[in-house]
Amino acid sequence: MEKIQWQIARVKAIVQETPNVKTFTLHLPQWIPHLPGQHYDLRLTAEDGYQAERSYSIASPPEKTGEIDLTVELIEDGEVSSYLHEGIEPGDPLEVRGPIGGYFVWKDNMANEPLLLIAGGSGVVPLMAMLRHRATIGAANPTTLLFSVRTADDAIYRDELERLAKQDSQFELIFTFTRKAPPGWTGYQRRVDQAMLADVLKRFEFQPNGFVCGPTLLVEQVANTLSDLGLPSTKIRTERFGPTGT
């Protein structure tokens, strides 16, 4: 297999998604179509030669040709995310390589099967690529996103997700707020637990393909609980987002 080469991307646009999250649109001179769920490596090199490298999931669908969106959460003491948030402007170069990953991907041959997406915080990023691709190809498979966030202000892509849910009767968006719910909220207001997952699974007529992404503890707990509830391990794919911003 041919090794994926580093290339110099150019920052085309920057969008402030939440107080701590930005999306960077990168124009790629050697663009390669990706699968929803894949990521890119990003490398920074200081003047003294010191290098720091992180992996960031692709938020954009493969139909967005010639460029990719990387959504990056500002991590406290995170050297790469801090530089991206505070030192990068449109027009700046960034060194990247990708797309990378073959396990945590939603493929078109799954488009007729039910889909369960579970995200914690910025773990929603690769799942958003799946939802955007699903909408673009017009898939009508029953799909649910269970999105755990601290507050409404922390819900990345909230407006777009709510718009997708209104437009598509086969897509259900479920928020759970772990710190502060919006005024008048009557939905979930706690961390994802067994009762919540059992309730969500009951909404599916057939067993869904499950994709779980977020902090390590959430991902492991959710994956184990889904298994305990009878979802086969072959239908559960996980991706962990560590505290370093990887």
Protein backbone atom coordinates (compact mmCIF):
# COMPACT_ATOMS: atom_id res chain seq x y z
CA MET A 1 0.00 0.00 0.00
CA GLU A 2 1.37 3.39 -0.98
CA LYS A 3 2.38 5.52 1.97
CA ILE A 4 0.32 8.66 2.50
CA GLN A 5 2.50 11.71 2.01
CA TRP A 6 2.56 14.96 3.96
CA GLN A 7 1.31 17.99 2.03
CA ILE A 8 0.98 21.70 2.65
CA ALA A 9 -2.67 22.68 2.95
CA ARG A 10 -3.89 26.26 2.93
CA VAL A 11 -6.44 27.51 5.48
CA LYS A 12 -9.43 28.66 3.45
CA ALA A 13 -11.83 29.58 6.28
CA ILE A 14 -12.27 29.37 10.05
CA VAL A 15 -15.64 29.06 11.79
CA GLN A 16 -16.18 29.47 15.53
CA GLU A 17 -18.54 26.58 16.34
CA THR A 18 -18.67 27.01 20.14
CA PRO A 19 -16.62 29.08 22.62
CA ASN A 20 -13.94 26.35 22.61
CA VAL A 21 -14.31 24.78 19.18
CA LYS A 22 -13.32 25.97 15.70
CA THR A 23 -13.67 24.40 12.27
CA PHE A 24 -10.79 24.90 9.85
CA THR A 25 -11.49 24.48 6.14
CA LEU A 26 -8.28 23.40 4.42
CA HIS A 27 -7.63 23.49 0.69
CA LEU A 28 -5.54 20.47 -0.28
CA PRO A 29 -3.25 20.42 -3.33
CA GLN A 30 -3.40 16.59 -3.32
CA TRP A 31 -6.97 15.95 -2.27
CA ILE A 32 -8.01 12.30 -1.88
CA PRO A 33 -11.64 11.25 -1.34
CA HIS A 34 -12.16 10.06 2.24
CA LEU A 35 -14.64 7.82 4.02
CA PRO A 36 -16.87 9.35 6.73
CA GLY A 37 -15.11 8.68 10.04
CA GLN A 38 -11.54 8.99 8.79
CA HIS A 39 -9.02 11.53 10.09
CA TYR A 40 -5.97 13.55 9.09
CA ASP A 41 -2.69 13.94 10.92
CA LEU A 42 -1.57 17.53 11.39
CA ARG A 43 2.06 18.44 12.12
CA LEU A 44 3.49 21.68 13.44
CA THR A 45 7.21 22.42 13.18
CA ALA A 46 8.83 25.15 15.29
CA GLU A 47 11.76 27.26 14.13
CA ASP A 48 14.11 25.18 16.28
CA GLY A 49 12.93 21.98 14.57
CA TYR A 50 10.67 20.77 17.38
CA GLN A 51 7.61 18.98 15.99
CA ALA A 52 4.20 18.23 17.44
CA GLU A 53 1.68 16.00 15.71
CA ARG A 54 -2.02 15.37 16.36
CA SER A 55 -4.86 13.54 14.63
CA TYR A 56 -8.14 15.32 13.86
CA SER A 57 -11.29 13.76 12.46
CA ILE A 58 -12.72 15.04 9.18
CA ALA A 59 -16.06 16.78 9.67
CA SER A 60 -16.89 17.33 6.00
CA PRO A 61 -18.45 14.72 3.70
CA PRO A 62 -16.41 13.20 0.85
CA GLU A 63 -18.60 15.09 -1.61
CA LYS A 64 -16.82 18.33 -0.59
CA THR A 65 -14.04 18.00 -3.14
CA GLY A 66 -10.63 19.66 -3.00
CA GLU A 67 -10.85 20.54 0.68
CA ILE A 68 -11.62 19.16 4.13
CA ASP A 69 -13.07 20.54 7.35
CA LEU A 70 -11.22 19.73 10.58
CA THR A 71 -13.09 20.67 13.76
CA VAL A 72 -10.72 21.23 16.68
CA GLU A 73 -11.52 21.64 20.36
CA LEU A 74 -9.24 23.95 22.34
CA ILE A 75 -7.62 21.72 24.95
CA GLU A 76 -6.20 23.25 28.12
CA ASP A 77 -2.39 23.17 27.81
CA GLY A 78 -2.77 21.54 24.39
CA GLU A 79 0.15 22.85 22.34
CA VAL A 80 -1.33 22.03 18.94
CA SER A 81 -4.95 23.03 19.57
CA SER A 82 -3.80 26.25 21.28
CA TYR A 83 -1.69 27.19 18.28
CA LEU A 84 -4.52 26.43 15.85
CA HIS A 85 -7.02 28.48 17.86
CA GLU A 86 -4.76 31.43 18.63
CA GLY A 87 -2.12 31.53 15.89
CA ILE A 88 -3.78 30.47 12.64
CA GLU A 89 -5.66 32.70 10.20
CA PRO A 90 -7.15 32.17 6.72
CA GLY A 91 -4.37 31.95 4.16
CA ASP A 92 -1.90 30.28 6.52
CA PRO A 93 -0.23 26.97 5.56
CA LEU A 94 -0.66 23.77 7.59
CA GLU A 95 1.14 20.47 7.09
CA VAL A 96 -1.24 17.49 6.96
CA ARG A 97 -1.48 13.92 5.72
CA GLY A 98 -4.48 11.70 5.18
CA PRO A 99 -7.07 10.40 4.96
CA ILE A 100 -6.26 7.74 7.56
CA GLY A 101 -8.32 4.98 9.15
CA GLY A 102 -10.30 1.97 7.96
CA TYR A 103 -12.12 0.73 11.05
CA PHE A 104 -14.22 3.63 12.32
CA VAL A 105 -15.85 4.39 8.99
CA TRP A 106 -19.42 4.38 7.69
CA LYS A 107 -19.45 2.82 4.24
CA ASP A 108 -22.14 3.09 1.59
CA ASN A 109 -22.94 -0.63 1.91
CA MET A 110 -24.25 0.21 5.40
CA ALA A 111 -26.65 2.85 4.04
CA ASN A 112 -29.66 0.52 4.13
CA GLU A 113 -29.04 -0.58 7.73
CA PRO A 114 -30.16 1.26 10.90
CA LEU A 115 -27.52 3.57 12.34
CA LEU A 116 -26.89 4.54 15.98
CA LEU A 117 -24.40 7.34 16.61
CA ILE A 118 -23.34 8.20 20.17
CA ALA A 119 -21.08 11.18 20.83
CA GLY A 120 -19.56 12.85 23.83
CA GLY A 121 -18.43 16.46 23.24
CA SER A 122 -16.11 16.83 20.26
CA GLY A 123 -16.55 13.12 19.57
CA VAL A 124 -19.41 14.25 17.36
CA VAL A 125 -16.98 15.37 14.64
CA PRO A 126 -16.51 12.10 12.69
CA LEU A 127 -20.20 11.29 13.25
CA MET A 128 -21.08 14.62 11.63
CA ALA A 129 -19.18 13.56 8.52
CA MET A 130 -21.34 10.42 8.46
CA LEU A 131 -24.57 12.42 8.85
CA ARG A 132 -23.59 14.93 6.18
CA HIS A 133 -22.69 12.15 3.76
CA ARG A 134 -25.90 10.29 4.59
CA ALA A 135 -27.92 13.43 3.80
CA THR A 136 -26.01 14.04 0.57
CA ILE A 137 -26.62 10.54 -0.81
CA GLY A 138 -30.25 10.64 0.30
CA ALA A 139 -30.05 7.58 2.54
CA ALA A 140 -33.32 6.80 4.33
CA ASN A 141 -32.06 4.32 6.91
CA PRO A 142 -33.38 4.87 10.47
CA THR A 143 -30.68 6.91 12.22
CA THR A 144 -30.31 8.27 15.76
CA LEU A 145 -27.64 10.54 17.20
CA LEU A 146 -27.39 10.54 21.01
CA PHE A 147 -25.23 13.56 21.80
CA SER A 148 -23.93 14.12 25.34
CA VAL A 149 -22.79 17.68 26.08
CA ARG A 150 -22.31 19.78 29.19
CA THR A 151 -24.49 22.71 28.12
CA ALA A 152 -26.35 23.88 25.02
CA ASP A 153 -23.47 26.26 24.24
CA ASP A 154 -21.14 23.24 24.04
CA ALA A 155 -23.21 21.44 21.40
CA ILE A 156 -21.08 21.55 18.25
CA TYR A 157 -23.10 21.85 15.00
CA ARG A 158 -26.32 22.21 17.02
CA ASP A 159 -28.17 24.37 14.47
CA GLU A 160 -27.23 22.12 11.56
CA LEU A 161 -28.14 18.96 13.47
CA GLU A 162 -31.54 20.36 14.41
CA ARG A 163 -32.11 21.38 10.80
CA LEU A 164 -31.22 17.88 9.58
CA ALA A 165 -33.61 16.35 12.12
CA LYS A 166 -36.46 18.61 10.97
CA GLN A 167 -35.84 17.80 7.31
CA ASP A 168 -35.48 14.03 7.70
CA SER A 169 -38.16 11.93 9.44
CA GLN A 170 -35.73 9.00 9.57
CA PHE A 171 -33.14 10.95 11.60
CA GLU A 172 -33.70 11.44 15.32
CA LEU A 173 -31.52 13.84 17.33
CA ILE A 174 -31.35 13.24 21.09
CA PHE A 175 -29.40 15.54 23.40
CA THR A 176 -28.47 14.83 26.98
CA PHE A 177 -27.11 17.76 29.00
CA THR A 178 -24.75 16.75 31.80
CA ARG A 179 -24.21 20.13 33.45
CA LYS A 180 -26.96 22.61 32.54
CA ALA A 181 -29.96 22.08 30.30
CA PRO A 182 -31.65 24.89 28.35
CA PRO A 183 -34.70 26.55 29.96
CA GLY A 184 -37.79 24.40 29.63
CA TRP A 185 -35.83 21.30 28.63
CA THR A 186 -37.75 18.07 29.23
CA GLY A 187 -35.28 15.58 27.77
CA TYR A 188 -32.30 13.80 29.29
CA GLN A 189 -30.22 15.70 31.87
CA ARG A 190 -27.54 13.22 32.94
CA ARG A 191 -24.58 11.24 31.73
CA VAL A 192 -25.28 8.42 29.30
CA ASP A 193 -26.31 5.34 31.29
CA GLN A 194 -27.84 1.91 30.78
CA ALA A 195 -31.45 3.09 31.07
CA MET A 196 -30.86 5.79 28.46
CA LEU A 197 -29.17 3.40 26.03
CA ALA A 198 -31.91 0.81 26.51
CA ASP A 199 -34.51 3.46 25.69
CA VAL A 200 -32.64 4.53 22.56
CA LEU A 201 -32.12 0.95 21.34
CA LYS A 202 -35.82 0.21 21.76
CA ARG A 203 -36.57 2.79 19.07
CA PHE A 204 -34.97 0.57 16.42
CA GLU A 205 -36.96 -2.22 14.78
CA PHE A 206 -33.72 -3.95 13.77
CA GLN A 207 -30.30 -3.90 15.44
CA PRO A 208 -28.33 -0.84 14.30
CA ASN A 209 -24.71 -0.36 13.41
CA GLY A 210 -23.27 1.56 16.35
CA PHE A 211 -20.54 4.20 16.23
CA VAL A 212 -19.37 5.64 19.57
CA CYS A 213 -16.90 8.50 19.83
CA GLY A 214 -15.78 10.74 22.68
CA PRO A 215 -13.71 10.66 25.86
CA THR A 216 -12.24 7.25 26.72
CA LEU A 217 -14.39 6.61 29.81
CA LEU A 218 -17.62 7.42 27.98
CA VAL A 219 -16.71 5.31 24.98
CA GLU A 220 -15.75 2.25 27.03
CA GLN A 221 -18.83 2.50 29.24
CA VAL A 222 -21.20 2.96 26.30
CA ALA A 223 -19.65 0.13 24.28
CA ASN A 224 -19.79 -2.27 27.22
CA THR A 225 -23.38 -1.30 28.01
CA LEU A 226 -24.52 -1.69 24.41
CA SER A 227 -22.99 -5.16 24.46
CA ASP A 228 -24.74 -5.97 27.76
CA LEU A 229 -28.01 -4.84 26.14
CA GLY A 230 -27.56 -7.36 23.35
CA LEU A 231 -25.95 -5.40 20.51
CA PRO A 232 -23.31 -7.71 18.98
CA SER A 233 -19.71 -6.53 19.25
CA THR A 234 -19.45 -6.78 15.45
CA LYS A 235 -21.96 -3.91 15.26
CA ILE A 236 -20.13 -1.62 17.73
CA ARG A 237 -17.28 0.56 16.50
CA THR A 238 -15.49 2.93 18.85
CA GLU A 239 -13.07 5.84 18.65
CA ARG A 240 -11.55 7.52 21.69
CA PHE A 241 -10.66 11.18 21.86
CA GLY A 242 -7.91 11.66 24.43
CA PRO A 243 -7.23 14.74 26.57
CA THR A 244 -4.26 15.75 24.41
CA GLY A 245 -6.53 16.68 21.52
CA THR A 246 -5.72 13.58 19.49
